[in-house]
Amino acid sequence: MAHFKIDHDFTNNESLPSFSLTINDSYVTAVYSDTDRQAELVEVLRSDAKMTVFDQQEGLYDRLTVEDNIAFFRKWFGCRKPLPEILVLFELHSCAKTPLSKCSHSEIRRVYFAKYYMSGTEPIVFREPIHGVDIKTINTFINMLEKIKDDGIPVLVLVSNMEHALLLGDAAYKLQEHGMQPIEVDEEDANTAEAERSDVPVTTNLFKIPAKVEDKMILFDPPEIDYIESQDGKAMIVINDESYTLDSTLAEIEKKLEVYGFYRCHRSYIVNLQKVREIITWSKNTYSLKIDNKIQSTIPLSRTKIQDIQEKFSLK
């Protein structure tokens, strides 16, 4: 089994806490942190660990077509996979003859993915690989991760979005002030899921949800809430791209909101079912829910909940 280990204890970077993390080839490891800590970690990886971090910062050739870019890097890295296979693998065959300067942001990102895949680098460290791209590109990246794992190459993914960490990582961690902590991934068995489905919602007199904003207390109507997520043990109301802190845990608020059509779709998320626009099926039996709001948010759906949510929407 191939692996690499990050030991922060030997670094002089005072902005990061001490931690030790081993990344194995049997699963993708994702680390979630804020952008400042992520930047510090990248500096450590590049300077002390002497690792290459793929962050889409190095140049491609804008004047060349997509196909010419892929052909150049394929020859440069000595990749043995046929050029047409690479184009299809990264969903680039339909834009192969298009100059890179005329490609969309997501198409350019897939060209980067192809370049990184052909590089033969071990281990592989990705920084914010799916930030701001379309669903096709996210799915392409997930498919690539599966192939990299099949090749026995350890992979580390650095993200500043917890949903991305849960989506991409077989093992997900959170890097905070006090160190590296594992993110709890929902692994409830079928019996637990079945027991939850049998619970009958109890009516409640709660019509407003109180949340703190600085020194004020704001009252929200349940229908305007997109979803609620857990951060550091506290529940956060999310409406579009704004978050508000609750004085409750996720478990406490779940019982109060169930009667209003809210559903615990993941250990760390409660979703307003009326706001769900789409159920997205990714690779490796992974699912997300797309929310009907201004920013088209996506949140994780546990694989133990997929059958239940299909029943709720009368899809089965």
Protein backbone atom coordinates (compact mmCIF):
# COMPACT_ATOMS: atom_id res chain seq x y z
CA MET A 1 0.00 0.00 0.00
CA ALA A 2 1.41 3.38 -1.03
CA HIS A 3 1.04 6.32 1.34
CA PHE A 4 2.58 9.60 2.36
CA LYS A 5 2.57 11.34 5.70
CA ILE A 6 2.34 15.03 6.56
CA ASP A 7 3.99 15.91 9.88
CA HIS A 8 3.55 19.56 10.70
CA ASP A 9 5.56 19.37 13.92
CA PHE A 10 8.86 20.01 12.11
CA THR A 11 7.72 23.21 10.39
CA ASN A 12 8.22 26.76 11.65
CA ASN A 13 4.82 27.93 10.48
CA GLU A 14 3.09 29.38 13.53
CA SER A 15 -0.20 29.93 11.70
CA LEU A 16 -0.97 26.21 11.64
CA PRO A 17 -1.56 23.89 14.59
CA SER A 18 0.53 20.75 14.99
CA PHE A 19 -0.93 17.70 13.28
CA SER A 20 -0.02 14.44 11.62
CA LEU A 21 -1.92 13.02 8.66
CA THR A 22 -1.28 9.85 6.65
CA ILE A 23 -2.77 9.64 3.15
CA ASN A 24 -3.18 6.10 1.78
CA ASP A 25 -3.76 4.98 -1.80
CA SER A 26 -6.92 3.08 -0.86
CA TYR A 27 -9.00 6.22 -0.45
CA VAL A 28 -9.07 9.91 -1.28
CA THR A 29 -8.35 12.15 1.71
CA ALA A 30 -10.02 15.58 1.82
CA VAL A 31 -9.06 18.40 4.19
CA TYR A 32 -11.55 21.22 4.81
CA SER A 33 -10.32 24.54 6.21
CA ASP A 34 -10.74 28.26 5.74
CA THR A 35 -8.80 29.83 2.88
CA ASP A 36 -6.11 31.33 5.13
CA ARG A 37 -5.20 28.00 6.76
CA GLN A 38 -5.40 26.32 3.39
CA ALA A 39 -2.86 28.79 1.99
CA GLU A 40 -0.54 28.13 4.94
CA LEU A 41 -0.88 24.37 4.47
CA VAL A 42 -0.08 24.70 0.76
CA GLU A 43 3.05 26.65 1.67
CA VAL A 44 4.11 23.88 4.04
CA LEU A 45 3.48 21.19 1.43
CA ARG A 46 5.44 23.03 -1.23
CA SER A 47 8.39 24.17 0.87
CA ASP A 48 8.86 21.54 3.57
CA ALA A 49 7.29 18.45 2.01
CA LYS A 50 8.52 19.32 -1.53
CA MET A 51 5.18 18.35 -3.04
CA THR A 52 3.50 19.61 -6.20
CA VAL A 53 0.11 21.16 -5.47
CA PHE A 54 -2.23 21.30 -8.47
CA ASP A 55 -4.14 24.58 -8.17
CA GLN A 56 -4.79 25.64 -11.78
CA GLN A 57 -2.27 28.47 -11.48
CA GLU A 58 0.33 27.30 -13.98
CA GLY A 59 -0.31 28.25 -17.59
CA LEU A 60 -1.97 26.42 -20.45
CA TYR A 61 -1.65 27.50 -24.08
CA ASP A 62 -4.58 29.82 -24.85
CA ARG A 63 -3.86 30.06 -28.57
CA LEU A 64 -3.83 26.29 -29.03
CA THR A 65 -6.97 24.21 -29.30
CA VAL A 66 -8.05 21.89 -26.52
CA GLU A 67 -6.81 18.90 -28.53
CA ASP A 68 -3.43 20.52 -29.20
CA ASN A 69 -3.01 21.32 -25.50
CA ILE A 70 -3.75 17.72 -24.56
CA ALA A 71 -1.45 16.39 -27.30
CA PHE A 72 1.40 18.63 -26.13
CA PHE A 73 1.18 17.60 -22.46
CA ARG A 74 0.62 13.96 -23.38
CA LYS A 75 3.94 13.98 -25.24
CA TRP A 76 5.65 16.08 -22.55
CA PHE A 77 4.72 13.65 -19.74
CA GLY A 78 5.13 10.51 -21.84
CA CYS A 79 1.54 9.42 -21.25
CA ARG A 80 0.71 6.16 -23.01
CA LYS A 81 -3.06 6.55 -23.11
CA PRO A 82 -4.34 7.33 -26.63
CA LEU A 83 -5.25 10.95 -27.25
CA PRO A 84 -8.92 10.20 -28.15
CA GLU A 85 -9.30 8.25 -24.89
CA ILE A 86 -8.04 11.22 -22.87
CA LEU A 87 -10.42 13.59 -24.65
CA VAL A 88 -13.40 11.33 -23.93
CA LEU A 89 -12.33 10.62 -20.33
CA PHE A 90 -12.34 14.34 -19.54
CA GLU A 91 -15.43 15.23 -21.60
CA LEU A 92 -13.34 17.32 -24.00
CA HIS A 93 -14.14 15.59 -27.30
CA SER A 94 -16.99 17.99 -28.11
CA CYS A 95 -14.70 21.04 -27.76
CA ALA A 96 -11.47 19.43 -29.01
CA LYS A 97 -11.08 21.84 -31.96
CA THR A 98 -11.93 24.96 -29.93
CA PRO A 99 -9.09 27.35 -29.02
CA LEU A 100 -8.60 27.43 -25.28
CA SER A 101 -9.21 31.19 -25.25
CA LYS A 102 -12.82 30.54 -26.35
CA CYS A 103 -13.55 27.73 -23.89
CA SER A 104 -15.74 28.05 -20.82
CA HIS A 105 -14.30 28.12 -17.30
CA SER A 106 -15.43 24.53 -16.72
CA GLU A 107 -13.94 23.28 -20.00
CA ILE A 108 -10.60 24.88 -19.12
CA ARG A 109 -10.74 23.22 -15.71
CA ARG A 110 -11.18 19.82 -17.39
CA VAL A 111 -8.10 20.53 -19.53
CA TYR A 112 -6.20 21.10 -16.29
CA PHE A 113 -7.55 17.80 -14.93
CA ALA A 114 -6.31 15.99 -18.04
CA LYS A 115 -2.89 17.60 -17.68
CA TYR A 116 -2.63 16.61 -14.03
CA TYR A 117 -3.80 13.07 -14.75
CA MET A 118 -1.16 12.62 -17.47
CA SER A 119 1.65 14.09 -15.33
CA GLY A 120 2.32 10.85 -13.46
CA THR A 121 2.96 12.80 -10.24
CA GLU A 122 2.88 10.86 -6.96
CA PRO A 123 1.38 11.70 -4.54
CA ILE A 124 -1.25 14.02 -6.00
CA VAL A 125 -2.46 17.12 -4.13
CA PHE A 126 -5.42 19.07 -5.53
CA ARG A 127 -6.42 22.52 -4.31
CA GLU A 128 -10.05 23.63 -4.78
CA PRO A 129 -10.52 21.39 -7.83
CA ILE A 130 -14.30 21.79 -8.22
CA HIS A 131 -14.83 25.34 -7.00
CA GLY A 132 -17.06 27.28 -9.39
CA VAL A 133 -17.47 24.59 -12.06
CA ASP A 134 -20.50 22.85 -13.57
CA ILE A 135 -21.89 19.43 -12.70
CA LYS A 136 -20.27 17.75 -15.73
CA THR A 137 -16.86 18.92 -14.56
CA ILE A 138 -17.48 17.77 -10.98
CA ASN A 139 -18.49 14.35 -12.24
CA THR A 140 -15.42 14.22 -14.49
CA PHE A 141 -13.18 14.96 -11.52
CA ILE A 142 -14.84 12.25 -9.40
CA ASN A 143 -14.37 9.72 -12.22
CA MET A 144 -10.71 10.73 -12.44
CA LEU A 145 -10.27 10.19 -8.69
CA GLU A 146 -11.56 6.65 -9.07
CA LYS A 147 -9.01 5.92 -11.80
CA ILE A 148 -6.19 7.43 -9.74
CA LYS A 149 -7.15 5.22 -6.80
CA ASP A 150 -7.18 2.20 -9.12
CA ASP A 151 -3.59 3.10 -10.06
CA GLY A 152 -2.60 3.01 -6.37
CA ILE A 153 -1.70 6.70 -6.09
CA PRO A 154 -2.36 8.55 -2.78
CA VAL A 155 -4.56 11.63 -3.23
CA LEU A 156 -5.06 14.68 -0.99
CA VAL A 157 -7.77 17.24 -1.81
CA LEU A 158 -7.77 20.67 -0.12
CA VAL A 159 -11.10 22.52 -0.05
CA SER A 160 -12.74 25.46 1.75
CA ASN A 161 -16.25 24.06 1.30
CA MET A 162 -17.38 21.28 3.65
CA GLU A 163 -19.82 19.86 1.09
CA HIS A 164 -16.91 19.44 -1.32
CA ALA A 165 -14.90 17.63 1.35
CA LEU A 166 -17.77 15.21 2.01
CA LEU A 167 -18.40 14.72 -1.71
CA LEU A 168 -14.81 14.09 -2.77
CA GLY A 169 -13.20 12.49 0.25
CA ASP A 170 -13.48 8.87 1.30
CA ALA A 171 -11.89 10.21 4.48
CA ALA A 172 -12.61 13.86 5.34
CA TYR A 173 -10.89 16.06 7.92
CA LYS A 174 -11.31 19.58 9.23
CA LEU A 175 -8.20 21.69 9.90
CA GLN A 176 -8.92 24.23 12.62
CA GLU A 177 -7.15 26.24 15.29
CA HIS A 178 -6.84 23.24 17.62
CA GLY A 179 -5.65 20.74 15.05
CA MET A 180 -6.89 18.21 12.51
CA GLN A 181 -10.24 16.59 13.30
CA PRO A 182 -12.12 13.95 11.29
CA ILE A 183 -15.44 15.09 9.82
CA GLU A 184 -18.16 12.69 10.82
CA VAL A 185 -19.47 10.89 7.75
CA ASP A 186 -22.94 9.42 7.90
CA GLU A 187 -22.55 5.62 7.98
CA GLU A 188 -25.86 4.70 9.59
CA ASP A 189 -26.93 1.17 8.83
CA ALA A 190 -30.20 0.22 7.20
CA ASN A 191 -31.84 -0.62 10.52
CA THR A 192 -31.18 2.88 11.84
CA ALA A 193 -32.48 4.44 8.65
CA GLU A 194 -35.59 2.30 8.79
CA ALA A 195 -36.19 3.24 12.42
CA GLU A 196 -35.95 6.92 11.50
CA ARG A 197 -38.47 6.46 8.70
CA SER A 198 -40.95 4.93 11.11
CA ASP A 199 -40.94 7.98 13.38
CA VAL A 200 -44.12 10.05 13.12
CA PRO A 201 -43.66 13.83 13.20
CA VAL A 202 -45.21 15.51 16.21
CA THR A 203 -47.01 18.79 15.75
CA THR A 204 -45.37 21.82 17.29
CA ASN A 205 -46.23 25.40 18.09
CA LEU A 206 -42.95 26.69 16.71
CA PHE A 207 -43.50 29.12 13.85
CA LYS A 208 -40.35 31.23 14.00
CA ILE A 209 -36.72 30.14 14.19
CA PRO A 210 -34.53 32.52 16.26
CA ALA A 211 -30.96 33.13 15.06
CA LYS A 212 -28.21 35.48 16.18
CA VAL A 213 -26.79 38.24 13.97
CA GLU A 214 -24.18 40.17 15.95
CA ASP A 215 -26.11 41.52 18.97
CA LYS A 216 -29.54 41.05 17.39
CA MET A 217 -31.97 38.13 17.41
CA ILE A 218 -33.73 37.59 14.06
CA LEU A 219 -36.82 35.39 13.67
CA PHE A 220 -37.07 33.34 10.47
CA ASP A 221 -40.11 31.65 8.98
CA PRO A 222 -39.32 27.96 8.30
CA PRO A 223 -40.33 28.14 4.58
CA GLU A 224 -37.64 30.76 3.82
CA ILE A 225 -34.82 28.52 5.10
CA ASP A 226 -32.88 26.58 2.42
CA TYR A 227 -31.11 24.17 4.74
CA ILE A 228 -29.38 23.92 8.11
CA GLU A 229 -25.84 22.63 8.56
CA SER A 230 -23.70 21.72 11.53
CA GLN A 231 -20.49 23.68 12.11
CA ASP A 232 -18.38 23.05 15.19
CA GLY A 233 -21.31 21.52 17.03
CA LYS A 234 -23.66 24.45 16.34
CA ALA A 235 -26.50 24.58 13.84
CA MET A 236 -26.34 27.25 11.10
CA ILE A 237 -29.36 28.43 9.10
CA VAL A 238 -28.48 28.93 5.43
CA ILE A 239 -30.54 31.19 3.14
CA ASN A 240 -28.92 31.63 -0.28
CA ASP A 241 -25.28 32.44 0.58
CA GLU A 242 -25.99 33.87 4.05
CA SER A 243 -25.53 31.88 7.29
CA TYR A 244 -27.03 32.56 10.73
CA THR A 245 -26.11 30.89 14.02
CA LEU A 246 -28.67 29.02 16.11
CA ASP A 247 -28.47 28.35 19.83
CA SER A 248 -29.32 24.72 19.12
CA THR A 249 -27.69 21.56 17.92
CA LEU A 250 -28.76 19.93 14.68
CA ALA A 251 -30.54 17.17 16.59
CA GLU A 252 -32.55 19.68 18.63
CA ILE A 253 -33.68 21.73 15.64
CA GLU A 254 -34.46 18.61 13.59
CA LYS A 255 -37.32 17.62 15.91
CA LYS A 256 -38.82 21.10 15.81
CA LEU A 257 -38.72 21.48 12.02
CA GLU A 258 -39.73 18.01 10.86
CA VAL A 259 -43.41 18.94 10.80
CA TYR A 260 -42.59 21.84 8.42
CA GLY A 261 -41.15 19.54 5.75
CA PHE A 262 -37.50 19.51 6.81
CA TYR A 263 -35.50 16.30 6.50
CA ARG A 264 -32.19 15.09 7.95
CA CYS A 265 -30.50 14.17 4.66
CA HIS A 266 -27.03 13.74 6.15
CA ARG A 267 -25.44 13.68 9.59
CA SER A 268 -24.42 17.32 9.12
CA TYR A 269 -27.38 18.67 7.12
CA ILE A 270 -31.14 19.22 7.41
CA VAL A 271 -32.82 20.28 4.17
CA ASN A 272 -36.07 22.07 3.44
CA LEU A 273 -37.68 19.52 1.09
CA GLN A 274 -39.74 22.25 -0.60
CA LYS A 275 -36.46 23.83 -1.79
CA VAL A 276 -35.04 20.65 -3.37
CA ARG A 277 -34.82 21.04 -7.14
CA GLU A 278 -32.74 18.01 -8.15
CA ILE A 279 -31.25 14.78 -6.82
CA ILE A 280 -27.77 14.41 -8.27
CA THR A 281 -26.17 10.98 -8.59
CA TRP A 282 -22.38 11.08 -8.69
CA SER A 283 -19.94 8.22 -9.07
CA LYS A 284 -19.08 5.75 -6.27
CA ASN A 285 -22.65 5.69 -4.95
CA THR A 286 -22.52 9.34 -3.85
CA TYR A 287 -25.46 11.74 -3.95
CA SER A 288 -26.23 15.44 -3.53
CA LEU A 289 -29.36 17.59 -3.41
CA LYS A 290 -29.52 20.76 -5.49
CA ILE A 291 -31.40 23.57 -3.76
CA ASP A 292 -33.69 25.98 -5.62
CA ASN A 293 -32.11 29.24 -4.47
CA LYS A 294 -30.18 32.08 -6.09
CA ILE A 295 -26.82 30.31 -5.93
CA GLN A 296 -28.13 26.80 -6.72
CA SER A 297 -26.56 25.30 -3.57
CA THR A 298 -25.76 21.59 -3.41
CA ILE A 299 -25.63 19.64 -0.14
CA PRO A 300 -24.74 16.00 0.60
CA LEU A 301 -27.33 13.23 0.63
CA SER A 302 -26.28 10.18 2.60
CA ARG A 303 -26.39 6.93 0.66
CA THR A 304 -28.49 5.44 3.48
CA LYS A 305 -31.13 8.13 2.81
CA ILE A 306 -31.51 7.85 -0.96
CA GLN A 307 -34.35 5.34 -0.83
CA ASP A 308 -36.18 7.35 1.81
CA ILE A 309 -35.95 10.61 -0.11
CA GLN A 310 -37.11 8.93 -3.32
CA GLU A 311 -40.18 7.73 -1.44
CA LYS A 312 -40.84 11.21 -0.06
CA PHE A 313 -40.90 12.60 -3.61
CA SER A 314 -42.89 9.59 -4.91
CA LEU A 315 -40.05 8.59 -7.22
CA LYS A 316 -40.40 4.86 -6.45
